[in-house]
């Protein structure tokens, strides 16, 4: 360290701006539990605008795991409020070629996700239920897409997507429902309630974990291949994970308590986008079932 910098450094240390109690350079607060080293993504895809044949230009990039959903051939891609159609996707060269268009529809890809357990690091049993932390493999495959009208949202047509399956290893934590709790509900009712709980966790988890909503994925499975039981699962939506699932595991009960508080405070009768989701998605019994599940899991 240069002599002219030493006095400043000593002052900072004395005032604890950088000491352990301050959570600064040597501290352990805030985002220090999140590993940025693990956030290295594979090579991104380059998005090339070919509207002007004489002047191709790069207008953006996209990570490999999002490309099959948004940049498959014939997809409508939005950039700066302008519609573009994907003319060609060179998966091997990591390039997508798009052309400016003006159409009255958007595209929505159908994503099939398969989860498999690689390793279980921790688990805790309580009242027949189980919470666990481990490593999983997320396999995703896009097989088709829909064209949906902008104003009426009616389906105008379908198209096939022929892209390879992508795999991602990441970290996950999950809640398994006790057998006694599962037995209280019919299969469809249980599904609606778990969907409502998953929607609530998508609201509260990013706030508690201090991350963007797209950094994590939350799914529900009435019969999970990981546990063979009804399971709610939260995983890092980043290859290798960056510590969000570990953080969620440490505050697993708090997340459920916060979700229960949100749904109790909401004035809607049977569900809305601000809590468990709209009635058309979760059914008329979804909100009541979600409350019952959360109350049982937080006792």
C-alpha atoms as a PDB file:
ATOM      1  CA  UNK A   1       0.000   0.000   0.000  1.00  0.00           C
ATOM      2  CA  UNK A   2       1.286   3.440  -0.903  1.00  0.00           C
ATOM      3  CA  UNK A   3       2.195   5.738   2.022  1.00  0.00           C
ATOM      4  CA  UNK A   4      -0.292   8.387   0.890  1.00  0.00           C
ATOM      5  CA  UNK A   5      -3.102   5.810   1.044  1.00  0.00           C
ATOM      6  CA  UNK A   6      -2.212   4.299   4.385  1.00  0.00           C
ATOM      7  CA  UNK A   7      -3.625   7.115   6.502  1.00  0.00           C
ATOM      8  CA  UNK A   8      -6.999   6.918   4.725  1.00  0.00           C
ATOM      9  CA  UNK A   9      -7.082   3.159   5.191  1.00  0.00           C
ATOM     10  CA  UNK A  10      -6.311   3.441   8.893  1.00  0.00           C
ATOM     11  CA  UNK A  11      -9.045   6.043   9.324  1.00  0.00           C
ATOM     12  CA  UNK A  12     -11.598   3.831   7.601  1.00  0.00           C
ATOM     13  CA  UNK A  13     -10.669   0.845   9.737  1.00  0.00           C
ATOM     14  CA  UNK A  14     -10.867   2.887  12.943  1.00  0.00           C
ATOM     15  CA  UNK A  15     -14.339   4.112  11.983  1.00  0.00           C
ATOM     16  CA  UNK A  16     -15.343   0.522  11.094  1.00  0.00           C
ATOM     17  CA  UNK A  17     -16.423   1.444   7.591  1.00  0.00           C
ATOM     18  CA  UNK A  18     -14.563  -1.589   6.308  1.00  0.00           C
ATOM     19  CA  UNK A  19     -14.320  -3.768   9.403  1.00  0.00           C
ATOM     20  CA  UNK A  20     -16.293  -6.904  10.236  1.00  0.00           C
ATOM     21  CA  UNK A  21     -18.989  -5.020  12.137  1.00  0.00           C
ATOM     22  CA  UNK A  22     -19.642  -2.735   9.184  1.00  0.00           C
ATOM     23  CA  UNK A  23     -20.041  -5.473   6.590  1.00  0.00           C
ATOM     24  CA  UNK A  24     -17.643  -3.666   4.246  1.00  0.00           C
ATOM     25  CA  UNK A  25     -14.541  -5.009   2.572  1.00  0.00           C
ATOM     26  CA  UNK A  26     -13.931  -7.656   5.190  1.00  0.00           C
ATOM     27  CA  UNK A  27     -17.485  -7.889   6.549  1.00  0.00           C
ATOM     28  CA  UNK A  28     -20.123 -10.569   6.104  1.00  0.00           C
ATOM     29  CA  UNK A  29     -23.316  -8.619   5.536  1.00  0.00           C
ATOM     30  CA  UNK A  30     -25.675  -7.786   2.717  1.00  0.00           C
ATOM     31  CA  UNK A  31     -24.948  -9.712  -0.462  1.00  0.00           C
ATOM     32  CA  UNK A  32     -21.737 -11.298   0.765  1.00  0.00           C
ATOM     33  CA  UNK A  33     -23.469 -14.680   0.969  1.00  0.00           C
ATOM     34  CA  UNK A  34     -24.160 -14.525  -2.773  1.00  0.00           C
ATOM     35  CA  UNK A  35     -21.386 -15.916  -4.921  1.00  0.00           C
ATOM     36  CA  UNK A  36     -20.727 -13.913  -8.066  1.00  0.00           C
ATOM     37  CA  UNK A  37     -18.038 -16.365  -9.134  1.00  0.00           C
ATOM     38  CA  UNK A  38     -20.718 -18.978  -9.680  1.00  0.00           C
ATOM     39  CA  UNK A  39     -22.726 -16.587 -11.842  1.00  0.00           C
ATOM     40  CA  UNK A  40     -20.496 -17.005 -14.857  1.00  0.00           C
ATOM     41  CA  UNK A  41     -22.779 -17.921 -17.697  1.00  0.00           C
ATOM     42  CA  UNK A  42     -21.913 -19.881 -20.785  1.00  0.00           C
ATOM     43  CA  UNK A  43     -21.388 -17.972 -24.002  1.00  0.00           C
ATOM     44  CA  UNK A  44     -24.292 -15.631 -24.712  1.00  0.00           C
ATOM     45  CA  UNK A  45     -26.129 -15.535 -28.028  1.00  0.00           C
ATOM     46  CA  UNK A  46     -25.657 -12.419 -30.143  1.00  0.00           C
ATOM     47  CA  UNK A  47     -28.828 -10.868 -31.610  1.00  0.00           C
ATOM     48  CA  UNK A  48     -28.236  -9.394 -35.075  1.00  0.00           C
ATOM     49  CA  UNK A  49     -30.672  -7.061 -36.829  1.00  0.00           C
ATOM     50  CA  UNK A  50     -30.714  -7.816 -40.581  1.00  0.00           C
ATOM     51  CA  UNK A  51     -33.509  -5.388 -41.544  1.00  0.00           C
ATOM     52  CA  UNK A  52     -31.023  -3.403 -43.627  1.00  0.00           C
ATOM     53  CA  UNK A  53     -29.177  -5.978 -45.773  1.00  0.00           C
ATOM     54  CA  UNK A  54     -26.286  -3.570 -46.253  1.00  0.00           C
ATOM     55  CA  UNK A  55     -25.877  -2.812 -42.574  1.00  0.00           C
ATOM     56  CA  UNK A  56     -26.268  -5.684 -40.147  1.00  0.00           C
ATOM     57  CA  UNK A  57     -25.987  -4.570 -36.533  1.00  0.00           C
ATOM     58  CA  UNK A  58     -25.835  -6.250 -33.140  1.00  0.00           C
ATOM     59  CA  UNK A  59     -28.645  -5.018 -30.907  1.00  0.00           C
ATOM     60  CA  UNK A  60     -28.342  -7.301 -27.905  1.00  0.00           C
ATOM     61  CA  UNK A  61     -27.359 -10.565 -26.264  1.00  0.00           C
ATOM     62  CA  UNK A  62     -29.248 -13.359 -24.514  1.00  0.00           C
ATOM     63  CA  UNK A  63     -28.181 -16.239 -22.300  1.00  0.00           C
ATOM     64  CA  UNK A  64     -28.277 -19.788 -23.631  1.00  0.00           C
ATOM     65  CA  UNK A  65     -31.088 -20.936 -21.340  1.00  0.00           C
ATOM     66  CA  UNK A  66     -33.515 -18.195 -22.374  1.00  0.00           C
ATOM     67  CA  UNK A  67     -32.873 -18.410 -26.118  1.00  0.00           C
ATOM     68  CA  UNK A  68     -35.155 -21.417 -26.843  1.00  0.00           C
ATOM     69  CA  UNK A  69     -38.091 -19.552 -25.301  1.00  0.00           C
ATOM     70  CA  UNK A  70     -37.635 -16.130 -26.892  1.00  0.00           C
ATOM     71  CA  UNK A  71     -35.367 -16.502 -29.925  1.00  0.00           C
ATOM     72  CA  UNK A  72     -36.560 -19.666 -31.662  1.00  0.00           C
ATOM     73  CA  UNK A  73     -37.185 -19.281 -35.387  1.00  0.00           C
ATOM     74  CA  UNK A  74     -40.386 -17.326 -36.219  1.00  0.00           C
ATOM     75  CA  UNK A  75     -40.578 -15.928 -32.682  1.00  0.00           C
ATOM     76  CA  UNK A  76     -41.608 -12.292 -32.256  1.00  0.00           C
ATOM     77  CA  UNK A  77     -38.855 -10.549 -30.323  1.00  0.00           C
ATOM     78  CA  UNK A  78     -39.388  -7.122 -28.739  1.00  0.00           C
ATOM     79  CA  UNK A  79     -36.588  -4.559 -28.615  1.00  0.00           C
ATOM     80  CA  UNK A  80     -37.104  -0.897 -27.709  1.00  0.00           C
ATOM     81  CA  UNK A  81     -40.877  -1.237 -28.273  1.00  0.00           C
ATOM     82  CA  UNK A  82     -40.295  -2.524 -31.813  1.00  0.00           C
ATOM     83  CA  UNK A  83     -41.302  -5.958 -33.069  1.00  0.00           C
ATOM     84  CA  UNK A  84     -38.761  -8.201 -34.746  1.00  0.00           C
ATOM     85  CA  UNK A  85     -39.186 -11.681 -36.181  1.00  0.00           C
ATOM     86  CA  UNK A  86     -36.453 -14.260 -35.755  1.00  0.00           C
ATOM     87  CA  UNK A  87     -35.486 -15.326 -39.264  1.00  0.00           C
ATOM     88  CA  UNK A  88     -32.718 -17.763 -38.312  1.00  0.00           C
ATOM     89  CA  UNK A  89     -31.211 -19.139 -35.117  1.00  0.00           C
ATOM     90  CA  UNK A  90     -27.703 -20.548 -35.451  1.00  0.00           C
ATOM     91  CA  UNK A  91     -27.484 -22.525 -32.229  1.00  0.00           C
ATOM     92  CA  UNK A  92     -23.925 -23.739 -32.801  1.00  0.00           C
ATOM     93  CA  UNK A  93     -22.564 -20.283 -33.631  1.00  0.00           C
ATOM     94  CA  UNK A  94     -24.634 -18.618 -30.864  1.00  0.00           C
ATOM     95  CA  UNK A  95     -26.239 -16.103 -33.240  1.00  0.00           C
ATOM     96  CA  UNK A  96     -29.842 -15.074 -33.848  1.00  0.00           C
ATOM     97  CA  UNK A  97     -30.765 -13.135 -36.993  1.00  0.00           C
ATOM     98  CA  UNK A  98     -33.882 -10.966 -36.740  1.00  0.00           C
ATOM     99  CA  UNK A  99     -35.841  -8.641 -39.034  1.00  0.00           C
ATOM    100  CA  UNK A 100     -38.088  -5.704 -38.124  1.00  0.00           C
ATOM    101  CA  UNK A 101     -41.803  -6.402 -38.600  1.00  0.00           C
ATOM    102  CA  UNK A 102     -45.161  -4.908 -37.613  1.00  0.00           C
ATOM    103  CA  UNK A 103     -47.658  -7.667 -36.841  1.00  0.00           C
ATOM    104  CA  UNK A 104     -50.701  -7.839 -34.619  1.00  0.00           C
ATOM    105  CA  UNK A 105     -49.611 -10.810 -32.549  1.00  0.00           C
ATOM    106  CA  UNK A 106     -46.924 -12.058 -30.182  1.00  0.00           C
ATOM    107  CA  UNK A 107     -45.522 -15.543 -29.668  1.00  0.00           C
ATOM    108  CA  UNK A 108     -45.532 -17.710 -26.558  1.00  0.00           C
ATOM    109  CA  UNK A 109     -43.362 -20.832 -26.406  1.00  0.00           C
ATOM    110  CA  UNK A 110     -44.357 -23.998 -24.582  1.00  0.00           C
ATOM    111  CA  UNK A 111     -41.543 -24.944 -22.194  1.00  0.00           C
ATOM    112  CA  UNK A 112     -41.271 -28.455 -20.770  1.00  0.00           C
ATOM    113  CA  UNK A 113     -39.170 -28.597 -17.586  1.00  0.00           C
ATOM    114  CA  UNK A 114     -37.865 -31.781 -15.989  1.00  0.00           C
ATOM    115  CA  UNK A 115     -36.173 -31.777 -12.577  1.00  0.00           C
ATOM    116  CA  UNK A 116     -33.912 -34.515 -11.252  1.00  0.00           C
ATOM    117  CA  UNK A 117     -32.033 -34.782  -7.963  1.00  0.00           C
ATOM    118  CA  UNK A 118     -28.242 -34.916  -8.077  1.00  0.00           C
ATOM    119  CA  UNK A 119     -27.309 -34.607  -4.417  1.00  0.00           C
ATOM    120  CA  UNK A 120     -29.038 -33.845  -1.118  1.00  0.00           C
ATOM    121  CA  UNK A 121     -26.989 -31.656   1.241  1.00  0.00           C
ATOM    122  CA  UNK A 122     -29.374 -30.992   4.129  1.00  0.00           C
ATOM    123  CA  UNK A 123     -32.828 -32.013   5.262  1.00  0.00           C
ATOM    124  CA  UNK A 124     -35.051 -31.432   8.247  1.00  0.00           C
ATOM    125  CA  UNK A 125     -38.240 -33.268   9.135  1.00  0.00           C
ATOM    126  CA  UNK A 126     -41.092 -31.695  11.073  1.00  0.00           C
ATOM    127  CA  UNK A 127     -44.588 -33.103  11.654  1.00  0.00           C
ATOM    128  CA  UNK A 128     -44.185 -35.530   8.778  1.00  0.00           C
ATOM    129  CA  UNK A 129     -43.120 -32.831   6.329  1.00  0.00           C
ATOM    130  CA  UNK A 130     -39.642 -32.321   4.989  1.00  0.00           C
ATOM    131  CA  UNK A 131     -37.520 -29.337   3.998  1.00  0.00           C
ATOM    132  CA  UNK A 132     -34.305 -30.035   2.140  1.00  0.00           C
ATOM    133  CA  UNK A 133     -31.427 -28.424   0.266  1.00  0.00           C
ATOM    134  CA  UNK A 134     -29.540 -30.008  -2.599  1.00  0.00           C
ATOM    135  CA  UNK A 135     -28.227 -29.981  -6.139  1.00  0.00           C
ATOM    136  CA  UNK A 136     -30.603 -30.605  -9.053  1.00  0.00           C
ATOM    137  CA  UNK A 137     -30.490 -30.851 -12.824  1.00  0.00           C
ATOM    138  CA  UNK A 138     -33.011 -28.720 -14.730  1.00  0.00           C
ATOM    139  CA  UNK A 139     -33.714 -30.013 -18.241  1.00  0.00           C
ATOM    140  CA  UNK A 140     -35.736 -27.752 -20.523  1.00  0.00           C
ATOM    141  CA  UNK A 141     -37.137 -28.408 -23.977  1.00  0.00           C
ATOM    142  CA  UNK A 142     -39.242 -26.106 -26.165  1.00  0.00           C
ATOM    143  CA  UNK A 143     -41.322 -28.098 -28.655  1.00  0.00           C
ATOM    144  CA  UNK A 144     -43.892 -25.611 -29.972  1.00  0.00           C
ATOM    145  CA  UNK A 145     -45.116 -22.011 -29.816  1.00  0.00           C
ATOM    146  CA  UNK A 146     -48.411 -20.161 -30.170  1.00  0.00           C
ATOM    147  CA  UNK A 147     -49.227 -16.972 -32.049  1.00  0.00           C
ATOM    148  CA  UNK A 148     -51.522 -14.849 -29.882  1.00  0.00           C
ATOM    149  CA  UNK A 149     -53.407 -11.745 -31.018  1.00  0.00           C
ATOM    150  CA  UNK A 150     -52.359  -8.604 -29.143  1.00  0.00           C
ATOM    151  CA  UNK A 151     -55.790  -7.150 -28.422  1.00  0.00           C
ATOM    152  CA  UNK A 152     -58.042 -10.178 -27.853  1.00  0.00           C
ATOM    153  CA  UNK A 153     -55.363 -12.717 -26.820  1.00  0.00           C
ATOM    154  CA  UNK A 154     -56.976 -15.352 -29.019  1.00  0.00           C
ATOM    155  CA  UNK A 155     -54.732 -18.051 -30.437  1.00  0.00           C
ATOM    156  CA  UNK A 156     -54.066 -17.519 -34.148  1.00  0.00           C
ATOM    157  CA  UNK A 157     -51.926 -20.562 -34.815  1.00  0.00           C
ATOM    158  CA  UNK A 158     -49.136 -22.863 -33.742  1.00  0.00           C
ATOM    159  CA  UNK A 159     -45.613 -23.617 -34.836  1.00  0.00           C
ATOM    160  CA  UNK A 160     -43.002 -26.266 -34.084  1.00  0.00           C
ATOM    161  CA  UNK A 161     -39.648 -25.567 -32.455  1.00  0.00           C
ATOM    162  CA  UNK A 162     -36.775 -27.904 -33.221  1.00  0.00           C
ATOM    163  CA  UNK A 163     -34.003 -27.135 -30.788  1.00  0.00           C
ATOM    164  CA  UNK A 164     -31.869 -29.365 -28.558  1.00  0.00           C
ATOM    165  CA  UNK A 165     -32.715 -29.869 -24.911  1.00  0.00           C
ATOM    166  CA  UNK A 166     -30.753 -27.641 -22.544  1.00  0.00           C
ATOM    167  CA  UNK A 167     -29.520 -28.727 -19.125  1.00  0.00           C
ATOM    168  CA  UNK A 168     -28.551 -26.677 -16.120  1.00  0.00           C
ATOM    169  CA  UNK A 169     -27.101 -27.838 -12.810  1.00  0.00           C
ATOM    170  CA  UNK A 170     -28.089 -25.594  -9.936  1.00  0.00           C
ATOM    171  CA  UNK A 171     -28.961 -25.458  -6.240  1.00  0.00           C
ATOM    172  CA  UNK A 172     -32.478 -25.910  -4.891  1.00  0.00           C
ATOM    173  CA  UNK A 173     -34.425 -26.099  -1.668  1.00  0.00           C
ATOM    174  CA  UNK A 174     -37.854 -27.607  -1.263  1.00  0.00           C
ATOM    175  CA  UNK A 175     -40.799 -28.133   1.068  1.00  0.00           C
ATOM    176  CA  UNK A 176     -42.523 -31.540   1.074  1.00  0.00           C
ATOM    177  CA  UNK A 177     -46.092 -31.670   2.383  1.00  0.00           C
ATOM    178  CA  UNK A 178     -46.847 -34.133   5.210  1.00  0.00           C
ATOM    179  CA  UNK A 179     -49.001 -37.147   4.305  1.00  0.00           C
ATOM    180  CA  UNK A 180     -51.661 -36.062   6.802  1.00  0.00           C
ATOM    181  CA  UNK A 181     -51.933 -32.655   5.131  1.00  0.00           C
ATOM    182  CA  UNK A 182     -52.117 -34.152   1.647  1.00  0.00           C
ATOM    183  CA  UNK A 183     -54.912 -36.489   2.742  1.00  0.00           C
ATOM    184  CA  UNK A 184     -57.162 -33.536   3.653  1.00  0.00           C
ATOM    185  CA  UNK A 185     -57.659 -32.474   0.025  1.00  0.00           C
ATOM    186  CA  UNK A 186     -58.783 -33.882  -3.292  1.00  0.00           C
ATOM    187  CA  UNK A 187     -56.095 -33.963  -5.967  1.00  0.00           C
ATOM    188  CA  UNK A 188     -57.442 -30.980  -7.949  1.00  0.00           C
ATOM    189  CA  UNK A 189     -58.026 -28.947  -4.794  1.00  0.00           C
ATOM    190  CA  UNK A 190     -54.493 -29.664  -3.596  1.00  0.00           C
ATOM    191  CA  UNK A 191     -53.107 -28.641  -6.986  1.00  0.00           C
ATOM    192  CA  UNK A 192     -54.978 -25.327  -6.895  1.00  0.00           C
ATOM    193  CA  UNK A 193     -53.764 -24.600  -3.383  1.00  0.00           C
ATOM    194  CA  UNK A 194     -50.141 -25.424  -4.190  1.00  0.00           C
ATOM    195  CA  UNK A 195     -50.342 -23.206  -7.261  1.00  0.00           C
ATOM    196  CA  UNK A 196     -51.558 -20.382  -5.028  1.00  0.00           C
ATOM    197  CA  UNK A 197     -48.706 -20.914  -2.546  1.00  0.00           C
ATOM    198  CA  UNK A 198     -46.181 -20.939  -5.399  1.00  0.00           C
ATOM    199  CA  UNK A 199     -47.590 -17.624  -6.697  1.00  0.00           C
ATOM    200  CA  UNK A 200     -47.305 -16.129  -3.205  1.00  0.00           C
ATOM    201  CA  UNK A 201     -43.700 -17.285  -2.860  1.00  0.00           C
ATOM    202  CA  UNK A 202     -42.901 -15.637  -6.203  1.00  0.00           C
ATOM    203  CA  UNK A 203     -44.036 -12.381  -4.596  1.00  0.00           C
ATOM    204  CA  UNK A 204     -42.255 -12.586  -1.243  1.00  0.00           C
ATOM    205  CA  UNK A 205     -39.098 -14.575  -2.054  1.00  0.00           C
ATOM    206  CA  UNK A 206     -37.350 -11.980  -4.294  1.00  0.00           C
ATOM    207  CA  UNK A 207     -37.911  -9.315  -1.622  1.00  0.00           C
ATOM    208  CA  UNK A 208     -36.536 -11.444   1.198  1.00  0.00           C
ATOM    209  CA  UNK A 209     -33.646 -12.825  -0.857  1.00  0.00           C
ATOM    210  CA  UNK A 210     -32.894  -9.358  -2.312  1.00  0.00           C
ATOM    211  CA  UNK A 211     -32.759 -10.623  -5.881  1.00  0.00           C
ATOM    212  CA  UNK A 212     -34.576 -10.098  -9.158  1.00  0.00           C
ATOM    213  CA  UNK A 213     -37.660 -12.305  -9.725  1.00  0.00           C
ATOM    214  CA  UNK A 214     -35.982 -13.968 -12.704  1.00  0.00           C
ATOM    215  CA  UNK A 215     -32.987 -15.014 -10.575  1.00  0.00           C
ATOM    216  CA  UNK A 216     -35.056 -17.760  -8.968  1.00  0.00           C
ATOM    217  CA  UNK A 217     -37.677 -20.237 -10.134  1.00  0.00           C
ATOM    218  CA  UNK A 218     -40.494 -21.542  -7.933  1.00  0.00           C
ATOM    219  CA  UNK A 219     -42.471 -24.576  -9.032  1.00  0.00           C
ATOM    220  CA  UNK A 220     -45.066 -26.853  -7.447  1.00  0.00           C
ATOM    221  CA  UNK A 221     -45.485 -30.567  -8.138  1.00  0.00           C
ATOM    222  CA  UNK A 222     -48.386 -32.609  -6.799  1.00  0.00           C
ATOM    223  CA  UNK A 223     -46.166 -35.682  -7.124  1.00  0.00           C
ATOM    224  CA  UNK A 224     -42.558 -34.608  -7.448  1.00  0.00           C
ATOM    225  CA  UNK A 225     -39.969 -36.927  -9.028  1.00  0.00           C
ATOM    226  CA  UNK A 226     -37.543 -35.672  -6.377  1.00  0.00           C
ATOM    227  CA  UNK A 227     -39.626 -36.751  -3.379  1.00  0.00           C
ATOM    228  CA  UNK A 228     -42.560 -38.763  -4.767  1.00  0.00           C
ATOM    229  CA  UNK A 229     -44.781 -36.432  -2.709  1.00  0.00           C
ATOM    230  CA  UNK A 230     -46.443 -33.006  -3.091  1.00  0.00           C
ATOM    231  CA  UNK A 231     -43.535 -30.567  -3.175  1.00  0.00           C
ATOM    232  CA  UNK A 232     -42.878 -26.834  -3.495  1.00  0.00           C
ATOM    233  CA  UNK A 233     -39.432 -26.165  -4.909  1.00  0.00           C
ATOM    234  CA  UNK A 234     -37.284 -23.021  -5.186  1.00  0.00           C
ATOM    235  CA  UNK A 235     -34.076 -23.056  -7.211  1.00  0.00           C
ATOM    236  CA  UNK A 236     -31.435 -20.656  -8.480  1.00  0.00           C
ATOM    237  CA  UNK A 237     -32.272 -19.879 -12.093  1.00  0.00           C
ATOM    238  CA  UNK A 238     -28.556 -19.455 -12.806  1.00  0.00           C
ATOM    239  CA  UNK A 239     -26.130 -22.227 -13.807  1.00  0.00           C
ATOM    240  CA  UNK A 240     -24.274 -23.513 -10.761  1.00  0.00           C
ATOM    241  CA  UNK A 241     -26.384 -21.407  -8.398  1.00  0.00           C
ATOM    242  CA  UNK A 242     -25.248 -18.263  -6.606  1.00  0.00           C
ATOM    243  CA  UNK A 243     -26.403 -19.017  -3.071  1.00  0.00           C
ATOM    244  CA  UNK A 244     -30.047 -17.934  -3.238  1.00  0.00           C
ATOM    245  CA  UNK A 245     -31.420 -21.402  -2.509  1.00  0.00           C
ATOM    246  CA  UNK A 246     -29.110 -21.737   0.498  1.00  0.00           C
ATOM    247  CA  UNK A 247     -30.356 -18.391   1.760  1.00  0.00           C
ATOM    248  CA  UNK A 248     -33.968 -19.456   1.205  1.00  0.00           C
ATOM    249  CA  UNK A 249     -33.347 -22.687   3.121  1.00  0.00           C
ATOM    250  CA  UNK A 250     -32.026 -20.707   6.080  1.00  0.00           C
ATOM    251  CA  UNK A 251     -35.201 -18.572   6.110  1.00  0.00           C
ATOM    252  CA  UNK A 252     -37.620 -21.282   4.951  1.00  0.00           C
ATOM    253  CA  UNK A 253     -40.201 -20.743   7.689  1.00  0.00           C
ATOM    254  CA  UNK A 254     -40.051 -16.958   7.368  1.00  0.00           C
ATOM    255  CA  UNK A 255     -40.844 -17.179   3.640  1.00  0.00           C
ATOM    256  CA  UNK A 256     -43.968 -19.227   4.362  1.00  0.00           C
ATOM    257  CA  UNK A 257     -45.006 -16.840   7.137  1.00  0.00           C
ATOM    258  CA  UNK A 258     -44.601 -13.861   4.806  1.00  0.00           C
ATOM    259  CA  UNK A 259     -46.637 -15.626   2.111  1.00  0.00           C
ATOM    260  CA  UNK A 260     -49.397 -16.307   4.645  1.00  0.00           C
ATOM    261  CA  UNK A 261     -49.382 -12.658   5.730  1.00  0.00           C
ATOM    262  CA  UNK A 262     -49.750 -11.461   2.128  1.00  0.00           C
ATOM    263  CA  UNK A 263     -52.758 -13.672   1.398  1.00  0.00           C
ATOM    264  CA  UNK A 264     -54.431 -12.819   4.716  1.00  0.00           C
ATOM    265  CA  UNK A 265     -54.007  -9.084   4.115  1.00  0.00           C
ATOM    266  CA  UNK A 266     -55.466  -9.245   0.599  1.00  0.00           C
ATOM    267  CA  UNK A 267     -59.125  -8.180   0.495  1.00  0.00           C
ATOM    268  CA  UNK A 268     -60.060 -10.342  -2.529  1.00  0.00           C
ATOM    269  CA  UNK A 269     -62.554 -13.176  -1.933  1.00  0.00           C
ATOM    270  CA  UNK A 270     -61.211 -16.039  -4.024  1.00  0.00           C
ATOM    271  CA  UNK A 271     -57.933 -14.851  -5.465  1.00  0.00           C
ATOM    272  CA  UNK A 272     -56.331 -12.088  -7.495  1.00  0.00           C
ATOM    273  CA  UNK A 273     -52.987 -11.348  -9.210  1.00  0.00           C
ATOM    274  CA  UNK A 274     -51.821  -9.560  -6.047  1.00  0.00           C
ATOM    275  CA  UNK A 275     -51.853 -12.714  -3.919  1.00  0.00           C
ATOM    276  CA  UNK A 276     -52.519 -16.326  -4.947  1.00  0.00           C
ATOM    277  CA  UNK A 277     -53.358 -15.544  -8.563  1.00  0.00           C
ATOM    278  CA  UNK A 278     -56.604 -14.982 -10.511  1.00  0.00           C
ATOM    279  CA  UNK A 279     -59.583 -17.266  -9.922  1.00  0.00           C
ATOM    280  CA  UNK A 280     -59.469 -18.437 -13.527  1.00  0.00           C
ATOM    281  CA  UNK A 281     -56.015 -19.872 -12.850  1.00  0.00           C
ATOM    282  CA  UNK A 282     -56.286 -21.317  -9.340  1.00  0.00           C
ATOM    283  CA  UNK A 283     -59.997 -22.124  -9.193  1.00  0.00           C
ATOM    284  CA  UNK A 284     -62.616 -20.993  -6.706  1.00  0.00           C
ATOM    285  CA  UNK A 285     -61.068 -23.051  -3.900  1.00  0.00           C
ATOM    286  CA  UNK A 286     -57.460 -22.010  -4.550  1.00  0.00           C
ATOM    287  CA  UNK A 287     -57.168 -19.175  -2.055  1.00  0.00           C
ATOM    288  CA  UNK A 288     -58.804 -21.042   0.830  1.00  0.00           C
ATOM    289  CA  UNK A 289     -56.658 -24.106   0.165  1.00  0.00           C
ATOM    290  CA  UNK A 290     -53.468 -22.039  -0.053  1.00  0.00           C
ATOM    291  CA  UNK A 291     -54.251 -20.468   3.332  1.00  0.00           C
ATOM    292  CA  UNK A 292     -54.907 -23.895   4.851  1.00  0.00           C
ATOM    293  CA  UNK A 293     -51.611 -25.257   3.500  1.00  0.00           C
ATOM    294  CA  UNK A 294     -49.610 -22.291   4.748  1.00  0.00           C
ATOM    295  CA  UNK A 295     -51.230 -22.377   8.162  1.00  0.00           C
ATOM    296  CA  UNK A 296     -50.344 -26.057   8.505  1.00  0.00           C
ATOM    297  CA  UNK A 297     -46.763 -25.537   7.320  1.00  0.00           C
ATOM    298  CA  UNK A 298     -46.109 -22.608   9.663  1.00  0.00           C
ATOM    299  CA  UNK A 299     -47.517 -24.108  12.861  1.00  0.00           C
END
